[in-house]
Amino acid sequence: RVELLNREWITVANTPGSAPESAEAQRVASMHIEWLRSVPGTPAAEGTGVGEYVRSLAEMYVADPRFSVNYGGVEGARFVRDALLAWLERDTEVE
């Protein structure tokens, strides 16, 4: 599932004119959040502190090359981060 998600991110991030706030990027951000919620033992799965957890992960994706490589490099990771942060801003139920 994570490999599919990474491919989706790379595709969306490399689509000309694509923006982190676009419907397509937000669709993938929703998939990403669903995936995080499926990982047992994480704040996302527990339902507490989801917002802070996602924000921290999003920053780590950019800061750590071991993660940014999953998104096609730092530019792709920045796109993922920005899309996840945009998703958090519009989702009023995330704490």
N, C-alpha and C. Protein backbone atom coordinates (compact mmCIF):
# COMPACT_ATOMS: atom_id res chain seq x y z
N ARG A 1 0.83 -1.20 0.00
CA ARG A 1 0.00 0.00 0.00
C ARG A 1 0.87 1.26 0.00
N VAL A 2 1.94 1.25 0.76
CA VAL A 2 2.79 2.44 0.83
C VAL A 2 3.49 2.70 -0.51
N GLU A 3 3.82 1.65 -1.24
CA GLU A 3 4.46 1.84 -2.55
C GLU A 3 3.50 2.52 -3.52
N LEU A 4 2.24 2.12 -3.50
CA LEU A 4 1.23 2.76 -4.34
C LEU A 4 1.07 4.22 -3.95
N LEU A 5 1.04 4.47 -2.67
CA LEU A 5 0.90 5.85 -2.17
C LEU A 5 2.08 6.70 -2.64
N ASN A 6 3.29 6.19 -2.52
CA ASN A 6 4.46 6.94 -2.96
C ASN A 6 4.40 7.23 -4.46
N ARG A 7 3.98 6.25 -5.26
CA ARG A 7 3.85 6.46 -6.70
C ARG A 7 2.80 7.54 -7.00
N GLU A 8 1.70 7.50 -6.26
CA GLU A 8 0.65 8.53 -6.43
C GLU A 8 1.22 9.92 -6.16
N TRP A 9 1.98 10.04 -5.07
CA TRP A 9 2.57 11.34 -4.72
C TRP A 9 3.50 11.82 -5.82
N ILE A 10 4.37 10.95 -6.29
CA ILE A 10 5.32 11.34 -7.32
C ILE A 10 4.60 11.78 -8.59
N THR A 11 3.56 11.05 -8.96
CA THR A 11 2.78 11.41 -10.15
C THR A 11 2.14 12.78 -9.99
N VAL A 12 1.48 13.00 -8.88
CA VAL A 12 0.78 14.27 -8.66
C VAL A 12 1.78 15.42 -8.56
N ALA A 13 2.87 15.21 -7.84
CA ALA A 13 3.86 16.27 -7.66
C ALA A 13 4.51 16.67 -8.98
N ASN A 14 4.60 15.72 -9.91
CA ASN A 14 5.26 16.00 -11.19
C ASN A 14 4.30 16.33 -12.32
N THR A 15 3.03 16.46 -12.01
CA THR A 15 2.05 16.87 -13.01
C THR A 15 2.16 18.38 -13.20
N PRO A 16 2.40 18.83 -14.43
CA PRO A 16 2.52 20.27 -14.67
C PRO A 16 1.29 21.03 -14.14
N GLY A 17 1.56 22.09 -13.42
CA GLY A 17 0.50 22.93 -12.88
C GLY A 17 -0.13 22.42 -11.61
N SER A 18 0.31 21.27 -11.13
CA SER A 18 -0.27 20.70 -9.90
C SER A 18 0.16 21.53 -8.69
N ALA A 19 -0.75 21.68 -7.76
CA ALA A 19 -0.48 22.43 -6.52
C ALA A 19 -0.88 21.57 -5.33
N PRO A 20 -0.22 21.77 -4.19
CA PRO A 20 -0.55 20.98 -3.01
C PRO A 20 -2.02 21.09 -2.58
N GLU A 21 -2.66 22.21 -2.91
CA GLU A 21 -4.05 22.42 -2.52
C GLU A 21 -5.03 21.88 -3.56
N SER A 22 -4.53 21.37 -4.68
CA SER A 22 -5.41 20.89 -5.75
C SER A 22 -6.24 19.69 -5.28
N ALA A 23 -7.32 19.46 -5.98
CA ALA A 23 -8.20 18.34 -5.63
C ALA A 23 -7.44 17.01 -5.69
N GLU A 24 -6.60 16.85 -6.70
CA GLU A 24 -5.86 15.59 -6.85
C GLU A 24 -4.86 15.41 -5.70
N ALA A 25 -4.15 16.46 -5.35
CA ALA A 25 -3.18 16.36 -4.24
C ALA A 25 -3.92 16.10 -2.93
N GLN A 26 -5.07 16.70 -2.76
CA GLN A 26 -5.83 16.49 -1.53
C GLN A 26 -6.42 15.08 -1.47
N ARG A 27 -6.72 14.52 -2.63
CA ARG A 27 -7.17 13.12 -2.68
C ARG A 27 -6.06 12.21 -2.18
N VAL A 28 -4.84 12.45 -2.64
CA VAL A 28 -3.71 11.63 -2.22
C VAL A 28 -3.38 11.90 -0.75
N ALA A 29 -3.51 13.14 -0.31
CA ALA A 29 -3.29 13.46 1.11
C ALA A 29 -4.28 12.67 1.98
N SER A 30 -5.52 12.57 1.54
CA SER A 30 -6.51 11.78 2.28
C SER A 30 -6.11 10.31 2.34
N MET A 31 -5.60 9.80 1.22
CA MET A 31 -5.12 8.41 1.20
C MET A 31 -3.96 8.25 2.19
N HIS A 32 -3.08 9.25 2.23
CA HIS A 32 -1.92 9.20 3.11
C HIS A 32 -2.36 9.17 4.58
N ILE A 33 -3.32 10.02 4.92
CA ILE A 33 -3.84 10.06 6.29
C ILE A 33 -4.50 8.73 6.63
N GLU A 34 -5.27 8.17 5.70
CA GLU A 34 -5.90 6.85 5.94
C GLU A 34 -4.83 5.79 6.20
N TRP A 35 -3.76 5.83 5.42
CA TRP A 35 -2.67 4.88 5.62
C TRP A 35 -2.05 5.06 7.01
N LEU A 36 -1.78 6.30 7.40
CA LEU A 36 -1.20 6.55 8.72
C LEU A 36 -2.13 6.04 9.83
N ARG A 37 -3.42 6.20 9.63
CA ARG A 37 -4.39 5.73 10.63
C ARG A 37 -4.44 4.21 10.71
N SER A 38 -3.93 3.54 9.68
CA SER A 38 -3.96 2.07 9.68
C SER A 38 -2.72 1.46 10.34
N VAL A 39 -1.76 2.28 10.72
CA VAL A 39 -0.52 1.77 11.32
C VAL A 39 -0.71 1.66 12.83
N PRO A 40 -0.79 0.44 13.35
CA PRO A 40 -1.05 0.24 14.78
C PRO A 40 0.02 0.89 15.65
N GLY A 41 -0.44 1.44 16.77
CA GLY A 41 0.48 2.01 17.75
C GLY A 41 0.91 3.44 17.49
N THR A 42 0.45 4.02 16.39
CA THR A 42 0.82 5.41 16.10
C THR A 42 -0.28 6.35 16.61
N PRO A 43 0.07 7.63 16.81
CA PRO A 43 -0.97 8.59 17.22
C PRO A 43 -2.14 8.64 16.24
N ALA A 44 -1.86 8.46 14.96
CA ALA A 44 -2.95 8.48 13.97
C ALA A 44 -3.90 7.32 14.19
N ALA A 45 -3.37 6.15 14.51
CA ALA A 45 -4.22 4.98 14.76
C ALA A 45 -4.96 5.12 16.08
N GLU A 46 -4.31 5.75 17.05
CA GLU A 46 -4.92 5.94 18.37
C GLU A 46 -5.98 7.04 18.35
N GLY A 47 -5.89 7.94 17.37
CA GLY A 47 -6.86 9.02 17.26
C GLY A 47 -6.58 10.22 18.13
N THR A 48 -5.39 10.28 18.72
CA THR A 48 -5.03 11.42 19.55
C THR A 48 -3.76 12.07 19.02
N GLY A 49 -3.76 13.37 18.94
CA GLY A 49 -2.59 14.08 18.46
C GLY A 49 -2.28 13.84 16.99
N VAL A 50 -3.30 13.55 16.22
CA VAL A 50 -3.11 13.24 14.80
C VAL A 50 -2.48 14.42 14.07
N GLY A 51 -2.97 15.61 14.32
CA GLY A 51 -2.46 16.79 13.63
C GLY A 51 -0.97 17.00 13.85
N GLU A 52 -0.56 16.95 15.10
CA GLU A 52 0.86 17.15 15.41
C GLU A 52 1.71 16.02 14.83
N TYR A 53 1.20 14.81 14.88
CA TYR A 53 1.90 13.66 14.32
C TYR A 53 2.12 13.84 12.82
N VAL A 54 1.07 14.21 12.10
CA VAL A 54 1.17 14.39 10.66
C VAL A 54 2.09 15.56 10.33
N ARG A 55 2.00 16.66 11.07
CA ARG A 55 2.89 17.80 10.85
C ARG A 55 4.35 17.40 11.03
N SER A 56 4.63 16.66 12.07
CA SER A 56 6.01 16.22 12.34
C SER A 56 6.52 15.30 11.24
N LEU A 57 5.70 14.35 10.84
CA LEU A 57 6.10 13.45 9.75
C LEU A 57 6.34 14.22 8.46
N ALA A 58 5.45 15.15 8.16
CA ALA A 58 5.57 15.93 6.93
C ALA A 58 6.89 16.69 6.89
N GLU A 59 7.29 17.27 8.01
CA GLU A 59 8.56 17.98 8.08
C GLU A 59 9.73 17.01 7.95
N MET A 60 9.60 15.83 8.55
CA MET A 60 10.66 14.84 8.47
C MET A 60 10.85 14.35 7.03
N TYR A 61 9.76 14.23 6.28
CA TYR A 61 9.86 13.79 4.89
C TYR A 61 10.79 14.71 4.11
N VAL A 62 10.78 16.01 4.43
CA VAL A 62 11.62 16.99 3.75
C VAL A 62 13.04 16.98 4.33
N ALA A 63 13.15 16.92 5.63
CA ALA A 63 14.43 17.08 6.31
C ALA A 63 15.36 15.88 6.18
N ASP A 64 14.81 14.69 6.05
CA ASP A 64 15.62 13.47 6.07
C ASP A 64 15.62 12.83 4.69
N PRO A 65 16.79 12.78 4.05
CA PRO A 65 16.85 12.21 2.70
C PRO A 65 16.40 10.75 2.62
N ARG A 66 16.44 10.03 3.72
CA ARG A 66 15.96 8.65 3.70
C ARG A 66 14.47 8.60 3.43
N PHE A 67 13.76 9.67 3.76
CA PHE A 67 12.32 9.75 3.50
C PHE A 67 12.02 10.49 2.21
N SER A 68 12.75 11.58 1.95
CA SER A 68 12.45 12.37 0.75
C SER A 68 12.65 11.57 -0.53
N VAL A 69 13.54 10.59 -0.51
CA VAL A 69 13.75 9.75 -1.69
C VAL A 69 12.46 9.02 -2.09
N ASN A 70 11.61 8.74 -1.13
CA ASN A 70 10.34 8.06 -1.42
C ASN A 70 9.39 8.91 -2.26
N TYR A 71 9.64 10.22 -2.27
CA TYR A 71 8.77 11.15 -2.98
C TYR A 71 9.48 11.80 -4.16
N GLY A 72 10.55 11.18 -4.62
CA GLY A 72 11.28 11.70 -5.77
C GLY A 72 12.29 12.76 -5.42
N GLY A 73 12.62 12.91 -4.16
CA GLY A 73 13.61 13.90 -3.73
C GLY A 73 12.98 14.99 -2.89
N VAL A 74 13.79 15.98 -2.57
CA VAL A 74 13.35 17.04 -1.65
C VAL A 74 12.18 17.82 -2.21
N GLU A 75 12.20 18.11 -3.51
CA GLU A 75 11.08 18.88 -4.09
C GLU A 75 9.77 18.10 -3.98
N GLY A 76 9.81 16.82 -4.26
CA GLY A 76 8.62 16.00 -4.11
C GLY A 76 8.16 15.93 -2.66
N ALA A 77 9.12 15.81 -1.75
CA ALA A 77 8.79 15.76 -0.32
C ALA A 77 8.17 17.08 0.14
N ARG A 78 8.65 18.19 -0.40
CA ARG A 78 8.04 19.49 -0.06
C ARG A 78 6.59 19.54 -0.53
N PHE A 79 6.35 19.00 -1.71
CA PHE A 79 4.98 18.96 -2.23
C PHE A 79 4.10 18.13 -1.30
N VAL A 80 4.59 16.97 -0.88
CA VAL A 80 3.83 16.10 0.03
C VAL A 80 3.57 16.83 1.34
N ARG A 81 4.62 17.44 1.90
CA ARG A 81 4.46 18.18 3.15
C ARG A 81 3.38 19.25 3.00
N ASP A 82 3.50 20.05 1.96
CA ASP A 82 2.56 21.16 1.78
C ASP A 82 1.13 20.65 1.57
N ALA A 83 0.98 19.55 0.85
CA ALA A 83 -0.35 18.98 0.64
C ALA A 83 -0.93 18.44 1.95
N LEU A 84 -0.10 17.76 2.75
CA LEU A 84 -0.59 17.25 4.03
C LEU A 84 -0.96 18.39 4.97
N LEU A 85 -0.16 19.45 4.99
CA LEU A 85 -0.48 20.60 5.84
C LEU A 85 -1.76 21.29 5.37
N ALA A 86 -1.96 21.37 4.06
CA ALA A 86 -3.21 21.94 3.53
C ALA A 86 -4.39 21.06 3.92
N TRP A 87 -4.21 19.75 3.87
CA TRP A 87 -5.28 18.83 4.28
C TRP A 87 -5.63 19.06 5.74
N LEU A 88 -4.61 19.20 6.59
CA LEU A 88 -4.87 19.43 8.02
C LEU A 88 -5.62 20.73 8.25
N GLU A 89 -5.27 21.75 7.48
CA GLU A 89 -5.94 23.05 7.66
C GLU A 89 -7.41 23.00 7.31
N ARG A 90 -7.76 22.19 6.32
CA ARG A 90 -9.18 22.15 5.93
C ARG A 90 -9.99 21.12 6.70
N ASP A 91 -9.32 20.21 7.39
CA ASP A 91 -10.03 19.20 8.16
C ASP A 91 -10.19 19.68 9.60
N THR A 92 -11.39 20.11 9.93
CA THR A 92 -11.63 20.71 11.24
C THR A 92 -11.73 19.69 12.38
N GLU A 93 -11.78 18.40 12.04
CA GLU A 93 -11.92 17.39 13.07
C GLU A 93 -10.58 16.86 13.59
N VAL A 94 -9.49 17.24 12.95
CA VAL A 94 -8.17 16.76 13.38
C VAL A 94 -7.66 17.65 14.48
N GLU A 95 -7.22 17.02 15.56
CA GLU A 95 -6.68 17.79 16.67
C GLU A 95 -5.21 18.03 16.52
